[in-house]
Amino acid sequence: MTDNEKKLLQAQHRLEEAQMRNRDKERKARTRRLIQEGAILEKVCPSVTTMDLEKLEDYLHCALR
């Protein structure tokens, strides 16, 4: 393997690592947003904590139409 090939491979690995960090950062931001939105929903409508997901979805569809 030549020096140029090694450098190219290293650059590719650095790019892949940077992309993985970005995906992880985006995933964590989405998770945080979903948790915050769920907390707001529970605060505004405490009864949703006892609903299963299907009932919650139906409730929100009816409430937001």
PDB file of N, CA and C in Angstrom:
ATOM      1  N   MET A   1       0.854  -1.175   0.000  1.00  0.00           N
ATOM      2  CA  MET A   1       0.000   0.000   0.000  1.00  0.00           C
ATOM      3  C   MET A   1       0.904   1.243   0.000  1.00  0.00           C
ATOM      4  N   THR A   2       0.653   2.123  -0.929  1.00  0.00           N
ATOM      5  CA  THR A   2       1.478   3.320  -1.037  1.00  0.00           C
ATOM      6  C   THR A   2       1.054   4.370  -0.009  1.00  0.00           C
ATOM      7  N   ASP A   3       1.904   5.376   0.122  1.00  0.00           N
ATOM      8  CA  ASP A   3       1.611   6.469   1.056  1.00  0.00           C
ATOM      9  C   ASP A   3       0.299   7.168   0.696  1.00  0.00           C
ATOM     10  N   ASN A   4       0.097   7.404  -0.602  1.00  0.00           N
ATOM     11  CA  ASN A   4      -1.119   8.083  -1.045  1.00  0.00           C
ATOM     12  C   ASN A   4      -2.363   7.250  -0.750  1.00  0.00           C
ATOM     13  N   GLU A   5      -2.256   5.953  -0.913  1.00  0.00           N
ATOM     14  CA  GLU A   5      -3.392   5.079  -0.610  1.00  0.00           C
ATOM     15  C   GLU A   5      -3.710   5.098   0.881  1.00  0.00           C
ATOM     16  N   LYS A   6      -2.673   5.109   1.712  1.00  0.00           N
ATOM     17  CA  LYS A   6      -2.874   5.172   3.161  1.00  0.00           C
ATOM     18  C   LYS A   6      -3.549   6.486   3.554  1.00  0.00           C
ATOM     19  N   LYS A   7      -3.077   7.574   2.952  1.00  0.00           N
ATOM     20  CA  LYS A   7      -3.662   8.883   3.259  1.00  0.00           C
ATOM     21  C   LYS A   7      -5.124   8.942   2.815  1.00  0.00           C
ATOM     22  N   LEU A   8      -5.413   8.368   1.656  1.00  0.00           N
ATOM     23  CA  LEU A   8      -6.791   8.343   1.167  1.00  0.00           C
ATOM     24  C   LEU A   8      -7.672   7.521   2.107  1.00  0.00           C
ATOM     25  N   LEU A   9      -7.195   6.379   2.536  1.00  0.00           N
ATOM     26  CA  LEU A   9      -7.942   5.526   3.453  1.00  0.00           C
ATOM     27  C   LEU A   9      -8.173   6.237   4.786  1.00  0.00           C
ATOM     28  N   GLN A  10      -7.160   6.920   5.295  1.00  0.00           N
ATOM     29  CA  GLN A  10      -7.311   7.677   6.541  1.00  0.00           C
ATOM     30  C   GLN A  10      -8.352   8.783   6.383  1.00  0.00           C
ATOM     31  N   ALA A  11      -8.312   9.464   5.242  1.00  0.00           N
ATOM     32  CA  ALA A  11      -9.272  10.539   4.992  1.00  0.00           C
ATOM     33  C   ALA A  11     -10.692   9.982   4.933  1.00  0.00           C
ATOM     34  N   GLN A  12     -10.846   8.826   4.309  1.00  0.00           N
ATOM     35  CA  GLN A  12     -12.165   8.198   4.235  1.00  0.00           C
ATOM     36  C   GLN A  12     -12.658   7.822   5.632  1.00  0.00           C
ATOM     37  N   HIS A  13     -11.784   7.298   6.455  1.00  0.00           N
ATOM     38  CA  HIS A  13     -12.164   6.925   7.818  1.00  0.00           C
ATOM     39  C   HIS A  13     -12.526   8.155   8.639  1.00  0.00           C
ATOM     40  N   ARG A  14     -11.774   9.226   8.470  1.00  0.00           N
ATOM     41  CA  ARG A  14     -12.102  10.472   9.184  1.00  0.00           C
ATOM     42  C   ARG A  14     -13.477  10.990   8.772  1.00  0.00           C
ATOM     43  N   LEU A  15     -13.762  10.907   7.466  1.00  0.00           N
ATOM     44  CA  LEU A  15     -15.064  11.349   6.967  1.00  0.00           C
ATOM     45  C   LEU A  15     -16.178  10.483   7.547  1.00  0.00           C
ATOM     46  N   GLU A  16     -15.986   9.173   7.553  1.00  0.00           N
ATOM     47  CA  GLU A  16     -16.988   8.259   8.115  1.00  0.00           C
ATOM     48  C   GLU A  16     -17.213   8.532   9.595  1.00  0.00           C
ATOM     49  N   GLU A  17     -16.152   8.782  10.332  1.00  0.00           N
ATOM     50  CA  GLU A  17     -16.277   9.090  11.754  1.00  0.00           C
ATOM     51  C   GLU A  17     -17.031  10.400  11.964  1.00  0.00           C
ATOM     52  N   ALA A  18     -16.748  11.394  11.141  1.00  0.00           N
ATOM     53  CA  ALA A  18     -17.447  12.675  11.250  1.00  0.00           C
ATOM     54  C   ALA A  18     -18.933  12.490  10.948  1.00  0.00           C
ATOM     55  N   GLN A  19     -19.250  11.678   9.954  1.00  0.00           N
ATOM     56  CA  GLN A  19     -20.651  11.415   9.623  1.00  0.00           C
ATOM     57  C   GLN A  19     -21.357  10.679  10.754  1.00  0.00           C
ATOM     58  N   MET A  20     -20.661   9.731  11.375  1.00  0.00           N
ATOM     59  CA  MET A  20     -21.242   9.010  12.514  1.00  0.00           C
ATOM     60  C   MET A  20     -21.499   9.955  13.682  1.00  0.00           C
ATOM     61  N   ARG A  21     -20.571  10.877  13.930  1.00  0.00           N
ATOM     62  CA  ARG A  21     -20.767  11.859  15.011  1.00  0.00           C
ATOM     63  C   ARG A  21     -21.978  12.735  14.714  1.00  0.00           C
ATOM     64  N   ASN A  22     -22.122  13.140  13.446  1.00  0.00           N
ATOM     65  CA  ASN A  22     -23.269  13.977  13.070  1.00  0.00           C
ATOM     66  C   ASN A  22     -24.583  13.222  13.245  1.00  0.00           C
ATOM     67  N   ARG A  23     -24.631  11.954  12.826  1.00  0.00           N
ATOM     68  CA  ARG A  23     -25.845  11.155  12.988  1.00  0.00           C
ATOM     69  C   ARG A  23     -26.181  10.993  14.469  1.00  0.00           C
ATOM     70  N   ASP A  24     -25.162  10.754  15.281  1.00  0.00           N
ATOM     71  CA  ASP A  24     -25.372  10.601  16.716  1.00  0.00           C
ATOM     72  C   ASP A  24     -25.888  11.899  17.327  1.00  0.00           C
ATOM     73  N   LYS A  25     -25.326  13.005  16.906  1.00  0.00           N
ATOM     74  CA  LYS A  25     -25.752  14.323  17.398  1.00  0.00           C
ATOM     75  C   LYS A  25     -27.213  14.597  17.011  1.00  0.00           C
ATOM     76  N   GLU A  26     -27.572  14.284  15.765  1.00  0.00           N
ATOM     77  CA  GLU A  26     -28.947  14.486  15.299  1.00  0.00           C
ATOM     78  C   GLU A  26     -29.917  13.578  16.050  1.00  0.00           C
ATOM     79  N   ARG A  27     -29.517  12.325  16.290  1.00  0.00           N
ATOM     80  CA  ARG A  27     -30.362  11.376  17.006  1.00  0.00           C
ATOM     81  C   ARG A  27     -30.606  11.856  18.433  1.00  0.00           C
ATOM     82  N   LYS A  28     -29.559  12.335  19.086  1.00  0.00           N
ATOM     83  CA  LYS A  28     -29.701  12.828  20.460  1.00  0.00           C
ATOM     84  C   LYS A  28     -30.580  14.071  20.513  1.00  0.00           C
ATOM     85  N   ALA A  29     -30.451  14.949  19.522  1.00  0.00           N
ATOM     86  CA  ALA A  29     -31.281  16.153  19.475  1.00  0.00           C
ATOM     87  C   ALA A  29     -32.750  15.776  19.274  1.00  0.00           C
ATOM     88  N   ARG A  30     -33.008  14.789  18.414  1.00  0.00           N
ATOM     89  CA  ARG A  30     -34.385  14.337  18.174  1.00  0.00           C
ATOM     90  C   ARG A  30     -34.955  13.715  19.441  1.00  0.00           C
ATOM     91  N   THR A  31     -34.182  12.881  20.105  1.00  0.00           N
ATOM     92  CA  THR A  31     -34.637  12.248  21.339  1.00  0.00           C
ATOM     93  C   THR A  31     -34.980  13.305  22.379  1.00  0.00           C
ATOM     94  N   ARG A  32     -34.124  14.290  22.524  1.00  0.00           N
ATOM     95  CA  ARG A  32     -34.369  15.370  23.495  1.00  0.00           C
ATOM     96  C   ARG A  32     -35.652  16.127  23.151  1.00  0.00           C
ATOM     97  N   ARG A  33     -35.828  16.432  21.869  1.00  0.00           N
ATOM     98  CA  ARG A  33     -37.029  17.156  21.434  1.00  0.00           C
ATOM     99  C   ARG A  33     -38.289  16.337  21.729  1.00  0.00           C
ATOM    100  N   LEU A  34     -38.256  15.027  21.422  1.00  0.00           N
ATOM    101  CA  LEU A  34     -39.424  14.180  21.662  1.00  0.00           C
ATOM    102  C   LEU A  34     -39.750  14.090  23.150  1.00  0.00           C
ATOM    103  N   ILE A  35     -38.739  14.004  23.980  1.00  0.00           N
ATOM    104  CA  ILE A  35     -38.959  13.953  25.428  1.00  0.00           C
ATOM    105  C   ILE A  35     -39.586  15.261  25.910  1.00  0.00           C
ATOM    106  N   GLN A  36     -39.070  16.376  25.427  1.00  0.00           N
ATOM    107  CA  GLN A  36     -39.606  17.675  25.834  1.00  0.00           C
ATOM    108  C   GLN A  36     -41.051  17.845  25.366  1.00  0.00           C
ATOM    109  N   GLU A  37     -41.345  17.414  24.139  1.00  0.00           N
ATOM    110  CA  GLU A  37     -42.711  17.526  23.625  1.00  0.00           C
ATOM    111  C   GLU A  37     -43.657  16.645  24.425  1.00  0.00           C
ATOM    112  N   GLY A  38     -43.207  15.442  24.783  1.00  0.00           N
ATOM    113  CA  GLY A  38     -44.023  14.551  25.603  1.00  0.00           C
ATOM    114  C   GLY A  38     -44.286  15.145  26.976  1.00  0.00           C
ATOM    115  N   ALA A  39     -43.284  15.783  27.545  1.00  0.00           N
ATOM    116  CA  ALA A  39     -43.450  16.413  28.856  1.00  0.00           C
ATOM    117  C   ALA A  39     -44.463  17.552  28.775  1.00  0.00           C
ATOM    118  N   ILE A  40     -44.416  18.320  27.720  1.00  0.00           N
ATOM    119  CA  ILE A  40     -45.381  19.415  27.539  1.00  0.00           C
ATOM    120  C   ILE A  40     -46.787  18.848  27.392  1.00  0.00           C
ATOM    121  N   LEU A  41     -46.926  17.781  26.604  1.00  0.00           N
ATOM    122  CA  LEU A  41     -48.233  17.152  26.417  1.00  0.00           C
ATOM    123  C   LEU A  41     -48.785  16.660  27.752  1.00  0.00           C
ATOM    124  N   GLU A  42     -47.963  16.016  28.564  1.00  0.00           N
ATOM    125  CA  GLU A  42     -48.404  15.527  29.869  1.00  0.00           C
ATOM    126  C   GLU A  42     -48.760  16.672  30.815  1.00  0.00           C
ATOM    127  N   LYS A  43     -48.037  17.756  30.701  1.00  0.00           N
ATOM    128  CA  LYS A  43     -48.310  18.911  31.570  1.00  0.00           C
ATOM    129  C   LYS A  43     -49.648  19.551  31.207  1.00  0.00           C
ATOM    130  N   VAL A  44     -49.914  19.675  29.914  1.00  0.00           N
ATOM    131  CA  VAL A  44     -51.139  20.321  29.445  1.00  0.00           C
ATOM    132  C   VAL A  44     -52.344  19.407  29.628  1.00  0.00           C
ATOM    133  N   CYS A  45     -52.138  18.114  29.412  1.00  0.00           N
ATOM    134  CA  CYS A  45     -53.241  17.151  29.486  1.00  0.00           C
ATOM    135  C   CYS A  45     -52.787  15.934  30.286  1.00  0.00           C
ATOM    136  N   PRO A  46     -52.855  15.998  31.610  1.00  0.00           N
ATOM    137  CA  PRO A  46     -52.337  14.917  32.450  1.00  0.00           C
ATOM    138  C   PRO A  46     -52.984  13.555  32.208  1.00  0.00           C
ATOM    139  N   SER A  47     -54.187  13.527  31.676  1.00  0.00           N
ATOM    140  CA  SER A  47     -54.876  12.254  31.459  1.00  0.00           C
ATOM    141  C   SER A  47     -54.191  11.379  30.410  1.00  0.00           C
ATOM    142  N   VAL A  48     -53.323  11.964  29.596  1.00  0.00           N
ATOM    143  CA  VAL A  48     -52.666  11.164  28.556  1.00  0.00           C
ATOM    144  C   VAL A  48     -51.680  10.159  29.141  1.00  0.00           C
ATOM    145  N   THR A  49     -51.278  10.348  30.385  1.00  0.00           N
ATOM    146  CA  THR A  49     -50.309   9.423  30.973  1.00  0.00           C
ATOM    147  C   THR A  49     -50.901   8.036  31.192  1.00  0.00           C
ATOM    148  N   THR A  50     -52.225   7.944  31.272  1.00  0.00           N
ATOM    149  CA  THR A  50     -52.870   6.651  31.499  1.00  0.00           C
ATOM    150  C   THR A  50     -53.351   6.003  30.203  1.00  0.00           C
ATOM    151  N   MET A  51     -53.222   6.694  29.087  1.00  0.00           N
ATOM    152  CA  MET A  51     -53.684   6.161  27.801  1.00  0.00           C
ATOM    153  C   MET A  51     -52.601   5.292  27.164  1.00  0.00           C
ATOM    154  N   ASP A  52     -53.051   4.257  26.442  1.00  0.00           N
ATOM    155  CA  ASP A  52     -52.067   3.539  25.631  1.00  0.00           C
ATOM    156  C   ASP A  52     -51.839   4.343  24.352  1.00  0.00           C
ATOM    157  N   LEU A  53     -50.863   3.976  23.588  1.00  0.00           N
ATOM    158  CA  LEU A  53     -50.462   4.794  22.433  1.00  0.00           C
ATOM    159  C   LEU A  53     -51.560   4.929  21.390  1.00  0.00           C
ATOM    160  N   GLU A  54     -52.317   3.871  21.165  1.00  0.00           N
ATOM    161  CA  GLU A  54     -53.388   3.932  20.164  1.00  0.00           C
ATOM    162  C   GLU A  54     -54.477   4.904  20.596  1.00  0.00           C
ATOM    163  N   LYS A  55     -54.867   4.846  21.881  1.00  0.00           N
ATOM    164  CA  LYS A  55     -55.878   5.773  22.386  1.00  0.00           C
ATOM    165  C   LYS A  55     -55.363   7.205  22.347  1.00  0.00           C
ATOM    166  N   LEU A  56     -54.103   7.391  22.672  1.00  0.00           N
ATOM    167  CA  LEU A  56     -53.515   8.727  22.626  1.00  0.00           C
ATOM    168  C   LEU A  56     -53.548   9.279  21.209  1.00  0.00           C
ATOM    169  N   GLU A  57     -53.189   8.450  20.251  1.00  0.00           N
ATOM    170  CA  GLU A  57     -53.216   8.895  18.857  1.00  0.00           C
ATOM    171  C   GLU A  57     -54.630   9.276  18.435  1.00  0.00           C
ATOM    172  N   ASP A  58     -55.624   8.446  18.777  1.00  0.00           N
ATOM    173  CA  ASP A  58     -57.023   8.755  18.442  1.00  0.00           C
ATOM    174  C   ASP A  58     -57.470  10.045  19.118  1.00  0.00           C
ATOM    175  N   TYR A  59     -57.100  10.199  20.387  1.00  0.00           N
ATOM    176  CA  TYR A  59     -57.458  11.396  21.137  1.00  0.00           C
ATOM    177  C   TYR A  59     -56.893  12.641  20.458  1.00  0.00           C
ATOM    178  N   LEU A  60     -55.628  12.580  20.065  1.00  0.00           N
ATOM    179  CA  LEU A  60     -55.012  13.748  19.438  1.00  0.00           C
ATOM    180  C   LEU A  60     -55.616  14.038  18.068  1.00  0.00           C
ATOM    181  N   HIS A  61     -55.934  12.980  17.310  1.00  0.00           N
ATOM    182  CA  HIS A  61     -56.575  13.198  16.011  1.00  0.00           C
ATOM    183  C   HIS A  61     -57.913  13.919  16.189  1.00  0.00           C
ATOM    184  N   CYS A  62     -58.697  13.482  17.170  1.00  0.00           N
ATOM    185  CA  CYS A  62     -59.999  14.108  17.409  1.00  0.00           C
ATOM    186  C   CYS A  62     -59.842  15.538  17.938  1.00  0.00           C
ATOM    187  N   ALA A  63     -58.905  15.730  18.842  1.00  0.00           N
ATOM    188  CA  ALA A  63     -58.715  17.035  19.467  1.00  0.00           C
ATOM    189  C   ALA A  63     -58.179  18.084  18.487  1.00  0.00           C
ATOM    190  N   LEU A  64     -57.433  17.637  17.512  1.00  0.00           N
ATOM    191  CA  LEU A  64     -56.778  18.597  16.616  1.00  0.00           C
ATOM    192  C   LEU A  64     -57.485  18.791  15.279  1.00  0.00           C
ATOM    193  N   ARG A  65     -58.632  18.185  15.127  1.00  0.00           N
ATOM    194  CA  ARG A  65     -59.394  18.381  13.865  1.00  0.00           C
ATOM    195  C   ARG A  65     -60.248  19.580  13.931  1.00  0.00           C
TER     196      ARG A  65
END
